[in-house]
Structure formats: C-alpha cells, structure tokens
C-alpha atoms as a PDB file:
ATOM      1  CA  ALA A   1       0.000   0.000   0.000  1.00  0.00           C
ATOM      2  CA  PHE A   2       2.945   2.330   0.525  1.00  0.00           C
ATOM      3  CA  ILE A   3       4.494   1.838  -2.916  1.00  0.00           C
ATOM      4  CA  PHE A   4       2.318   4.478  -4.580  1.00  0.00           C
ATOM      5  CA  LEU A   5       3.769   7.210  -2.383  1.00  0.00           C
ATOM      6  CA  HIS A   6       7.348   6.198  -3.255  1.00  0.00           C
ATOM      7  CA  VAL A   7      10.154   5.307  -0.908  1.00  0.00           C
ATOM      8  CA  GLY A   8      10.924   8.969  -0.256  1.00  0.00           C
ATOM      9  CA  THR A   9       7.555   9.622   1.315  1.00  0.00           C
ATOM     10  CA  GLU A  10       7.900   6.684   3.656  1.00  0.00           C
ATOM     11  CA  ILE A  11      11.327   7.910   4.713  1.00  0.00           C
ATOM     12  CA  ASP A  12       9.801  11.329   5.415  1.00  0.00           C
ATOM     13  CA  ARG A  13       7.174   9.699   7.599  1.00  0.00           C
ATOM     14  CA  GLN A  14       9.696   7.678   9.566  1.00  0.00           C
ATOM     15  CA  ASN A  15      11.903  10.689  10.130  1.00  0.00           C
ATOM     16  CA  SER A  16       9.101  12.948  11.347  1.00  0.00           C
ATOM     17  CA  SER A  17       7.059  13.034  14.543  1.00  0.00           C
ATOM     18  CA  TYR A  18       3.789  13.171  12.597  1.00  0.00           C
ATOM     19  CA  ASP A  19       2.644   9.648  13.485  1.00  0.00           C
ATOM     20  CA  LYS A  20       4.063   9.614  16.984  1.00  0.00           C
ATOM     21  CA  LEU A  21       1.781   9.926  19.978  1.00  0.00           C
ATOM     22  CA  LYS A  22       2.200  13.106  21.991  1.00  0.00           C
ATOM     23  CA  CYS A  23       2.510  12.052  25.608  1.00  0.00           C
ATOM     24  CA  VAL A  24       2.760  13.722  28.987  1.00  0.00           C
ATOM     25  CA  LEU A  25       4.529  11.962  31.837  1.00  0.00           C
ATOM     26  CA  LEU A  26       2.980  12.541  35.266  1.00  0.00           C
ATOM     27  CA  CYS A  27       5.109  11.499  38.208  1.00  0.00           C
ATOM     28  CA  SER A  28       6.787  12.837  41.313  1.00  0.00           C
ATOM     29  CA  ASP A  29      10.491  13.570  41.111  1.00  0.00           C
ATOM     30  CA  TYR A  30      11.616  11.206  43.851  1.00  0.00           C
ATOM     31  CA  LEU A  31      15.344  10.447  43.813  1.00  0.00           C
ATOM     32  CA  GLY A  32      15.484  11.351  40.133  1.00  0.00           C
ATOM     33  CA  LEU A  33      12.764   8.810  39.322  1.00  0.00           C
ATOM     34  CA  GLU A  34      11.113  10.934  36.616  1.00  0.00           C
ATOM     35  CA  THR A  35      14.395  11.142  34.717  1.00  0.00           C
ATOM     36  CA  LYS A  36      14.911   7.384  34.885  1.00  0.00           C
ATOM     37  CA  ILE A  37      11.358   6.682  33.688  1.00  0.00           C
ATOM     38  CA  TYR A  38      11.617   9.245  30.900  1.00  0.00           C
ATOM     39  CA  ASP A  39      14.911   7.791  29.669  1.00  0.00           C
ATOM     40  CA  GLN A  40      13.572   4.235  29.782  1.00  0.00           C
ATOM     41  CA  LEU A  41      10.388   5.107  27.875  1.00  0.00           C
ATOM     42  CA  MET A  42      12.277   6.993  25.188  1.00  0.00           C
ATOM     43  CA  GLN A  43      14.789   4.180  24.869  1.00  0.00           C
ATOM     44  CA  ASP A  44      12.043   1.600  24.312  1.00  0.00           C
ATOM     45  CA  TYR A  45       9.357   3.588  22.440  1.00  0.00           C
ATOM     46  CA  ALA A  46      11.063   6.568  20.750  1.00  0.00           C
ATOM     47  CA  ASP A  47       9.788   5.436  17.333  1.00  0.00           C
ATOM     48  CA  GLU A  48       6.198   5.580  18.518  1.00  0.00           C
ATOM     49  CA  ILE A  49       5.895   8.377  21.079  1.00  0.00           C
ATOM     50  CA  THR A  50       7.241  11.742  22.116  1.00  0.00           C
ATOM     51  CA  ILE A  51       7.104  12.957  25.696  1.00  0.00           C
ATOM     52  CA  ASP A  52       6.364  16.643  25.354  1.00  0.00           C
ATOM     53  CA  ALA A  53       6.168  17.423  29.048  1.00  0.00           C
ATOM     54  CA  VAL A  54       6.926  15.958  32.457  1.00  0.00           C
ATOM     55  CA  VAL A  55       4.594  17.225  35.195  1.00  0.00           C
ATOM     56  CA  SER A  56       4.074  16.488  38.858  1.00  0.00           C
ATOM     57  CA  SER A  57       0.429  17.505  39.349  1.00  0.00           C
ATOM     58  CA  TYR A  58      -2.924  17.099  37.644  1.00  0.00           C
ATOM     59  CA  GLU A  59      -3.398  20.867  37.623  1.00  0.00           C
ATOM     60  CA  GLU A  60      -0.482  21.171  35.205  1.00  0.00           C
ATOM     61  CA  LEU A  61      -2.288  18.927  32.703  1.00  0.00           C
ATOM     62  CA  GLU A  62      -4.800  21.682  31.993  1.00  0.00           C
ATOM     63  CA  ARG A  63      -2.102  23.541  30.080  1.00  0.00           C
ATOM     64  CA  GLN A  64      -1.087  20.529  28.001  1.00  0.00           C
ATOM     65  CA  THR A  65      -2.359  19.023  24.750  1.00  0.00           C
ATOM     66  CA  PHE A  66      -1.565  15.329  24.396  1.00  0.00           C
ATOM     67  CA  ASP A  67      -2.723  11.968  23.069  1.00  0.00           C
ATOM     68  CA  LEU A  68      -1.756   9.841  26.063  1.00  0.00           C
ATOM     69  CA  LEU A  69      -1.112  10.478  29.741  1.00  0.00           C
ATOM     70  CA  ILE A  70       1.563   8.177  31.152  1.00  0.00           C
ATOM     71  CA  THR A  71       1.439   8.201  34.928  1.00  0.00           C
ATOM     72  CA  MET A  72       2.770   6.321  37.915  1.00  0.00           C
ATOM     73  CA  ILE A  73       0.054   7.814  40.143  1.00  0.00           C
ATOM     74  CA  GLN A  74      -3.088   5.753  40.696  1.00  0.00           C
ATOM     75  CA  ASP A  75      -5.878   8.315  40.809  1.00  0.00           C
ATOM     76  CA  GLU A  76      -9.477   8.465  39.589  1.00  0.00           C
ATOM     77  CA  ARG A  77      -8.577  11.612  37.644  1.00  0.00           C
ATOM     78  CA  ASN A  78      -6.665   9.385  35.210  1.00  0.00           C
ATOM     79  CA  TYR A  79     -10.040   8.404  33.745  1.00  0.00           C
ATOM     80  CA  ASN A  80     -10.466  11.965  32.494  1.00  0.00           C
ATOM     81  CA  TYR A  81      -7.795  11.286  29.864  1.00  0.00           C
ATOM     82  CA  PRO A  82      -6.534   8.496  27.610  1.00  0.00           C
ATOM     83  CA  SER A  83      -4.094   7.212  30.214  1.00  0.00           C
ATOM     84  CA  LEU A  84      -1.661   4.452  31.033  1.00  0.00           C
ATOM     85  CA  LEU A  85      -0.697   3.562  34.596  1.00  0.00           C
ATOM     86  CA  ILE A  86       2.888   2.326  34.810  1.00  0.00           C
ATOM     87  CA  LEU A  87       4.839   0.674  37.598  1.00  0.00           C
ATOM     88  CA  PRO A  88       8.145   2.546  37.743  1.00  0.00           C
ATOM     89  CA  PHE A  89      10.256  -0.439  38.764  1.00  0.00           C
ATOM     90  CA  GLN A  90       8.551  -2.970  36.480  1.00  0.00           C
ATOM     91  CA  LEU A  91       8.597  -1.263  33.076  1.00  0.00           C
ATOM     92  CA  ASP A  92      10.199  -4.283  31.437  1.00  0.00           C
ATOM     93  CA  LYS A  93       7.319  -6.488  32.604  1.00  0.00           C
ATOM     94  CA  GLN A  94       4.798  -3.984  31.214  1.00  0.00           C
ATOM     95  CA  LYS A  95       6.192  -3.802  27.677  1.00  0.00           C
ATOM     96  CA  ASN A  96       3.306  -5.688  26.097  1.00  0.00           C
ATOM     97  CA  GLU A  97       0.747  -3.615  27.983  1.00  0.00           C
ATOM     98  CA  ILE A  98       2.447  -0.366  26.991  1.00  0.00           C
ATOM     99  CA  ARG A  99       2.670  -1.330  23.322  1.00  0.00           C
ATOM    100  CA  GLU A 100      -0.970  -2.415  23.282  1.00  0.00           C
ATOM    101  CA  LYS A 101      -2.023   0.942  24.713  1.00  0.00           C
ATOM    102  CA  ILE A 102       0.100   2.848  22.192  1.00  0.00           C
ATOM    103  CA  TYR A 103      -1.419   0.794  19.358  1.00  0.00           C
ATOM    104  CA  GLU A 104      -4.942   1.374  20.681  1.00  0.00           C
ATOM    105  CA  ILE A 105      -4.462   5.162  20.720  1.00  0.00           C
ATOM    106  CA  GLN A 106      -2.768   5.134  17.307  1.00  0.00           C
ATOM    107  CA  GLN A 107      -5.719   3.284  15.781  1.00  0.00           C
ATOM    108  CA  ALA A 108      -8.192   5.666  17.393  1.00  0.00           C
ATOM    109  CA  LYS A 109      -6.271   8.632  15.942  1.00  0.00           C
ATOM    110  CA  LYS A 110      -6.311   7.088  12.469  1.00  0.00           C
ATOM    111  CA  LYS A 111     -10.055   6.554  12.628  1.00  0.00           C
ATOM    112  CA  GLU A 112     -10.607  10.117  13.753  1.00  0.00           C
ATOM    113  CA  LEU A 113      -8.374  11.364  10.935  1.00  0.00           C
ATOM    114  CA  ILE A 114     -10.378   9.491   8.289  1.00  0.00           C
ATOM    115  CA  PHE A 115     -13.730  10.572   9.731  1.00  0.00           C
ATOM    116  CA  ASN A 116     -12.587  14.191   9.745  1.00  0.00           C
ATOM    117  CA  HIS A 117     -11.053  14.208   6.255  1.00  0.00           C
ATOM    118  CA  PHE A 118     -13.112  11.747   4.227  1.00  0.00           C
ATOM    119  CA  ASP A 119     -15.416  14.357   2.685  1.00  0.00           C
ATOM    120  CA  HIS A 120     -12.448  16.570   1.879  1.00  0.00           C
ATOM    121  CA  TYR A 121     -10.475  13.980  -0.086  1.00  0.00           C
ATOM    122  CA  PHE A 122     -13.384  12.108  -1.675  1.00  0.00           C
ATOM    123  CA  HIS A 123     -16.006  13.735  -3.931  1.00  0.00           C
ATOM    124  CA  PRO A 124     -19.317  12.312  -5.235  1.00  0.00           C
ATOM    125  CA  GLU A 125     -18.437  13.326  -8.808  1.00  0.00           C
ATOM    126  CA  LEU A 126     -15.226  11.318  -8.542  1.00  0.00           C
ATOM    127  CA  PHE A 127     -17.038   8.041  -7.898  1.00  0.00           C
ATOM    128  CA  PHE A 128     -17.567   5.787 -10.941  1.00  0.00           C
ATOM    129  CA  VAL A 129     -19.220   2.447 -11.551  1.00  0.00           C
ATOM    130  CA  THR A 130     -17.857   0.652 -14.579  1.00  0.00           C
ATOM    131  CA  GLU A 131     -18.316  -2.718 -16.238  1.00  0.00           C
ATOM    132  CA  ASN A 132     -15.962  -4.439 -18.659  1.00  0.00           C
ATOM    133  CA  GLY A 133     -13.710  -1.376 -18.786  1.00  0.00           C
ATOM    134  CA  SER A 134      -9.993  -1.226 -19.386  1.00  0.00           C
ATOM    135  CA  ARG A 135      -7.288   0.363 -17.275  1.00  0.00           C
ATOM    136  CA  GLU A 136      -6.765   3.088 -19.886  1.00  0.00           C
ATOM    137  CA  ASP A 137     -10.463   3.938 -20.127  1.00  0.00           C
ATOM    138  CA  VAL A 138     -10.972   4.229 -16.371  1.00  0.00           C
ATOM    139  CA  ILE A 139      -7.823   6.295 -15.796  1.00  0.00           C
ATOM    140  CA  GLN A 140      -8.847   8.641 -18.619  1.00  0.00           C
ATOM    141  CA  GLN A 141     -12.376   9.041 -17.241  1.00  0.00           C
ATOM    142  CA  VAL A 142     -11.289   9.842 -13.694  1.00  0.00           C
ATOM    143  CA  CYS A 143      -8.414  12.133 -14.700  1.00  0.00           C
ATOM    144  CA  ASP A 144     -10.642  14.086 -17.074  1.00  0.00           C
ATOM    145  CA  LYS A 145     -13.184  14.646 -14.311  1.00  0.00           C
ATOM    146  CA  MET A 146     -10.475  15.741 -11.855  1.00  0.00           C
ATOM    147  CA  GLU A 147      -9.205  18.248 -14.405  1.00  0.00           C
ATOM    148  CA  ALA A 148     -12.734  19.504 -15.162  1.00  0.00           C
ATOM    149  CA  LEU A 149     -13.330  20.070 -11.436  1.00  0.00           C
ATOM    150  CA  GLY A 150     -10.102  22.040 -11.160  1.00  0.00           C
ATOM    151  CA  TYR A 151      -8.216  19.655  -8.892  1.00  0.00           C
ATOM    152  CA  VAL A 152      -5.340  18.871 -11.283  1.00  0.00           C
ATOM    153  CA  SER A 153      -3.574  20.360 -14.297  1.00  0.00           C
ATOM    154  CA  ALA A 154      -3.928  19.204 -17.904  1.00  0.00           C
ATOM    155  CA  SER A 155      -0.640  17.316 -17.601  1.00  0.00           C
ATOM    156  CA  PHE A 156      -1.816  15.187 -14.666  1.00  0.00           C
ATOM    157  CA  LYS A 157      -3.273  12.422 -16.834  1.00  0.00           C
ATOM    158  CA  SER A 158      -0.052  11.943 -18.790  1.00  0.00           C
ATOM    159  CA  PHE A 159       1.946  11.659 -15.560  1.00  0.00           C
ATOM    160  CA  VAL A 160      -0.466   9.035 -14.203  1.00  0.00           C
ATOM    161  CA  LYS A 161      -0.106   7.011 -17.396  1.00  0.00           C
ATOM    162  CA  LYS A 162       3.680   7.403 -17.290  1.00  0.00           C
ATOM    163  CA  ARG A 163       3.770   6.038 -13.754  1.00  0.00           C
ATOM    164  CA  GLU A 164       1.439   3.182 -14.638  1.00  0.00           C
ATOM    165  CA  ASN A 165       3.454   2.223 -17.721  1.00  0.00           C
ATOM    166  CA  ALA A 166       6.617   2.125 -15.640  1.00  0.00           C
ATOM    167  CA  SER A 167       5.118  -0.378 -13.187  1.00  0.00           C
ATOM    168  CA  SER A 168       1.572  -1.550 -12.557  1.00  0.00           C
ATOM    169  CA  THR A 169      -0.090  -0.209  -9.412  1.00  0.00           C
ATOM    170  CA  ALA A 170      -2.476  -3.160  -9.196  1.00  0.00           C
ATOM    171  CA  PHE A 171      -2.275  -5.315  -6.087  1.00  0.00           C
ATOM    172  CA  GLY A 172      -4.649  -8.240  -6.404  1.00  0.00           C
ATOM    173  CA  SER A 173      -8.148  -6.831  -6.865  1.00  0.00           C
ATOM    174  CA  ILE A 174      -7.107  -3.268  -5.956  1.00  0.00           C
ATOM    175  CA  ALA A 175      -5.310  -0.643  -8.057  1.00  0.00           C
ATOM    176  CA  ILE A 176      -3.921   2.661  -6.795  1.00  0.00           C
ATOM    177  CA  PRO A 177      -2.690   4.669  -9.803  1.00  0.00           C
ATOM    178  CA  HIS A 178      -1.123   8.058  -9.179  1.00  0.00           C
ATOM    179  CA  SER A 179       1.057  10.686 -10.800  1.00  0.00           C
ATOM    180  CA  VAL A 180       4.842  10.655 -10.687  1.00  0.00           C
ATOM    181  CA  HIS A 181       4.562  14.083  -9.052  1.00  0.00           C
ATOM    182  CA  MET A 182       2.801  15.461  -5.976  1.00  0.00           C
ATOM    183  CA  ASP A 183       1.585  18.624  -7.670  1.00  0.00           C
ATOM    184  CA  ALA A 184      -2.213  18.390  -7.584  1.00  0.00           C
ATOM    185  CA  TYR A 185      -3.980  21.676  -6.850  1.00  0.00           C
ATOM    186  CA  GLN A 186      -6.017  19.785  -4.260  1.00  0.00           C
ATOM    187  CA  THR A 187      -5.560  16.278  -2.926  1.00  0.00           C
ATOM    188  CA  LYS A 188      -8.399  14.067  -4.147  1.00  0.00           C
ATOM    189  CA  ILE A 189      -9.092  10.353  -4.453  1.00  0.00           C
ATOM    190  CA  GLY A 190     -11.121   9.140  -7.411  1.00  0.00           C
ATOM    191  CA  VAL A 191     -12.902   5.822  -6.961  1.00  0.00           C
ATOM    192  CA  ALA A 192     -13.964   3.346  -9.624  1.00  0.00           C
ATOM    193  CA  VAL A 193     -15.697   0.075  -8.718  1.00  0.00           C
ATOM    194  CA  SER A 194     -16.506  -2.824 -10.984  1.00  0.00           C
ATOM    195  CA  ARG A 195     -18.483  -5.948 -10.184  1.00  0.00           C
ATOM    196  CA  GLY A 196     -17.056  -7.852 -13.134  1.00  0.00           C
ATOM    197  CA  GLY A 197     -13.576  -6.351 -12.886  1.00  0.00           C
ATOM    198  CA  ILE A 198     -11.445  -3.883 -14.822  1.00  0.00           C
ATOM    199  CA  THR A 199      -8.793  -5.427 -17.058  1.00  0.00           C
ATOM    200  CA  TRP A 200      -5.544  -4.177 -15.581  1.00  0.00           C
ATOM    201  CA  GLY A 201      -2.641  -5.804 -17.370  1.00  0.00           C
ATOM    202  CA  SER A 202      -2.630  -9.374 -16.109  1.00  0.00           C
ATOM    203  CA  ASN A 203      -4.918  -8.468 -13.174  1.00  0.00           C
ATOM    204  CA  LEU A 204      -8.649  -8.080 -12.850  1.00  0.00           C
ATOM    205  CA  VAL A 205      -9.311  -5.099 -10.593  1.00  0.00           C
ATOM    206  CA  ASN A 206     -12.576  -4.513  -8.723  1.00  0.00           C
ATOM    207  CA  VAL A 207     -11.674  -1.303  -6.899  1.00  0.00           C
ATOM    208  CA  MET A 208      -9.480   1.524  -8.173  1.00  0.00           C
ATOM    209  CA  LEU A 209      -8.372   4.474  -6.068  1.00  0.00           C
ATOM    210  CA  LEU A 210      -6.796   7.097  -8.317  1.00  0.00           C
ATOM    211  CA  ILE A 211      -4.919   9.548  -6.158  1.00  0.00           C
ATOM    212  CA  ALA A 212      -4.039  13.153  -6.930  1.00  0.00           C
ATOM    213  CA  ILE A 213      -1.615  14.348  -4.265  1.00  0.00           C
ATOM    214  CA  ASN A 214      -0.759  17.824  -3.115  1.00  0.00           C
ATOM    215  CA  LYS A 215       2.609  17.636  -1.367  1.00  0.00           C
ATOM    216  CA  TYR A 216       1.295  19.386   1.738  1.00  0.00           C
ATOM    217  CA  ASP A 217      -1.187  16.561   2.350  1.00  0.00           C
ATOM    218  CA  LYS A 218       1.130  13.611   1.832  1.00  0.00           C
ATOM    219  CA  GLN A 219       1.479  12.636   5.493  1.00  0.00           C
ATOM    220  CA  ILE A 220      -2.252  12.686   6.200  1.00  0.00           C
ATOM    221  CA  LEU A 221      -2.973  10.869   2.951  1.00  0.00           C
ATOM    222  CA  LEU A 222      -0.443   8.171   3.788  1.00  0.00           C
ATOM    223  CA  THR A 223      -2.235   7.445   7.057  1.00  0.00           C
ATOM    224  CA  ILE A 224      -5.699   7.495   5.486  1.00  0.00           C
ATOM    225  CA  ASN A 225      -4.775   5.160   2.658  1.00  0.00           C
ATOM    226  CA  GLU A 226      -2.962   2.768   4.945  1.00  0.00           C
ATOM    227  CA  SER A 227      -6.179   2.301   6.910  1.00  0.00           C
ATOM    228  CA  ILE A 228      -8.536   2.176   3.930  1.00  0.00           C
ATOM    229  CA  LEU A 229      -6.438  -0.220   1.884  1.00  0.00           C
ATOM    230  CA  SER A 230      -6.018  -2.558   4.831  1.00  0.00           C
ATOM    231  CA  LEU A 231      -9.811  -2.990   4.872  1.00  0.00           C
ATOM    232  CA  PHE A 232      -9.701  -4.530   1.421  1.00  0.00           C
ATOM    233  CA  GLU A 233      -7.694  -7.441   2.801  1.00  0.00           C
ATOM    234  CA  ASN A 234     -11.072  -8.593   4.116  1.00  0.00           C
ATOM    235  CA  PRO A 235     -12.834 -10.443   1.237  1.00  0.00           C
ATOM    236  CA  GLU A 236     -16.266  -9.564   2.649  1.00  0.00           C
ATOM    237  CA  ILE A 237     -15.507  -5.819   2.652  1.00  0.00           C
ATOM    238  CA  LEU A 238     -14.108  -6.013  -0.887  1.00  0.00           C
ATOM    239  CA  SER A 239     -17.195  -7.888  -2.081  1.00  0.00           C
ATOM    240  CA  ARG A 240     -19.513  -5.268  -0.614  1.00  0.00           C
ATOM    241  CA  VAL A 241     -17.500  -2.309  -1.884  1.00  0.00           C
ATOM    242  CA  LYS A 242     -17.315  -3.535  -5.474  1.00  0.00           C
ATOM    243  CA  ASN A 243     -21.122  -3.666  -5.539  1.00  0.00           C
ATOM    244  CA  THR A 244     -21.647  -0.086  -4.358  1.00  0.00           C
ATOM    245  CA  SER A 245     -23.264   2.439  -6.682  1.00  0.00           C
ATOM    246  CA  SER A 246     -22.449   5.749  -4.971  1.00  0.00           C
ATOM    247  CA  LEU A 247     -19.853   7.406  -2.764  1.00  0.00           C
ATOM    248  CA  ALA A 248     -22.408   7.463   0.060  1.00  0.00           C
ATOM    249  CA  GLU A 249     -22.671   3.653  -0.051  1.00  0.00           C
ATOM    250  CA  PHE A 250     -18.877   3.362  -0.303  1.00  0.00           C
ATOM    251  CA  LYS A 251     -18.469   5.567   2.765  1.00  0.00           C
ATOM    252  CA  ALA A 252     -21.195   3.726   4.691  1.00  0.00           C
ATOM    253  CA  ILE A 253     -19.263   0.464   4.298  1.00  0.00           C
ATOM    254  CA  LEU A 254     -15.778   1.776   5.009  1.00  0.00           C
ATOM    255  CA  LEU A 255     -16.182   4.021   8.020  1.00  0.00           C
ATOM    256  CA  PRO A 256     -17.977   1.593  10.384  1.00  0.00           C
ATOM    257  CA  ASN A 257     -15.353  -1.066   9.657  1.00  0.00           C
ATOM    258  CA  LEU A 258     -12.281   1.018  10.400  1.00  0.00           C
END
C-alpha cells in the first residue's frame, strides 16, 4: 500500500514526529525517578511516542495538549484522559501492555483522521461504476473529471499514465494509480468500482483508487490510505465495496469497519 507514495515519502514519515503519539509523563520527582522513567520510555518507544512534558500535578495537565497520559500515580482523575498507569520499577514487565495501549491510541487517531477528512479527499463526482472497462479507459475518465473540477492540471493524466506504464499499481483486486509528481492543486481520491472487474494488465481489478496528491497533504494521505487499503484485505468488505453504486454507499461500508 505504501508503494504508490514512493520510498521517499515513507522515509519522510519515519523521520518525522507526525505519526508519533504526543505524551505527557505525570510522576513525582523522587530520587530522580522521573528522569529514569523518561529515559527508559524513550529508549524503548522513541519510534512511537514523544514525551512533550513531564509534570508532577494534575493541575499542570490543563495547560497541556496530548494523546496519552503516562502516569505512575493511581488516581481516579486518570479516567479523564486516555491514560496508562505504569509501575516505575517494572517497566520491562509492562512492555506488552504499553505497546498495546500505544497501538490502541494510534488506531483511534487514524479513525478520527479518516472521519474528519473523508469528505475533503473524496467527492461524489469522482465516484464511478464501470463494467468491462480497461485500465486506460478508467484512468482517462477519472483524470478528465479531476481536471474539469479544477483539482489537477492538464498534464496530470499523462503523468499518471507514465507512472502506470513504468510499473503496474495493481495489487490483487485493488489498483492505486497516481502521478509521478505530488503537484495536484487539491488532494483528491477518485474511486472506480466494478463488479465484473477492470482489465488491468494481467490483473482483474474490482476497486481503483486514483490519487491526486498535493505535497502538503502527503502525510495525512499516507495514514488514510494505509487504513482504507487494509480494509480490502477482508474479502467480505471487498465484495460489498465492489457492488456499491455511490460514494455514500462506499463511505457507509468503510467508516464503520475502520
């Protein structure tokens, strides 16, 4: 699913803090304990979290914005936040619990991101139902509509075809064609579904997501597409999606299953 955004985009994602959870560590500074806990957490989970603040009271949390509160204090006020209670001298024994909590919050953030941005990146006029079509026909149809709506330039279609000719973007029953450049005026995702399948080289594709990318949206789009494309690994979801007839139906299937 990441191939369409090129290796460079994935490197950008790994080198940035965009996908990391913003955390606050709440603990008392007893014999330098907060420093030891901070260092241990960053040693074990630096690829997944940042600790933006270390505080010693709940009152200080009111001035913070964060995804996860990590605390060694057992208090009913923890339930006011997404929180994780840690045992300062047993962090090694809690590794599975900590990773599960990080994953849980990450998934919740991804769902929220898709819910908040779905209507921005998808458009009813960029949803197509096709039967017995070819790769070339479907790409032309979607690109022409994107250009007519003012989302891409006249050269966009040729760049999509150039990328596709270099290497097919079909993965099983899904295709994700895109331009060789991230220069769309607005980031949009065109959708084409086919019950019988679109002839795509040696593949038969039932769902096509044609992506026009504006470089400023690439990180958000990477996260959204990772989640959406993973749904199509479920044969039942794929079967339902390929039989949709509108973007509203498409959305009604995807969002509840995220």
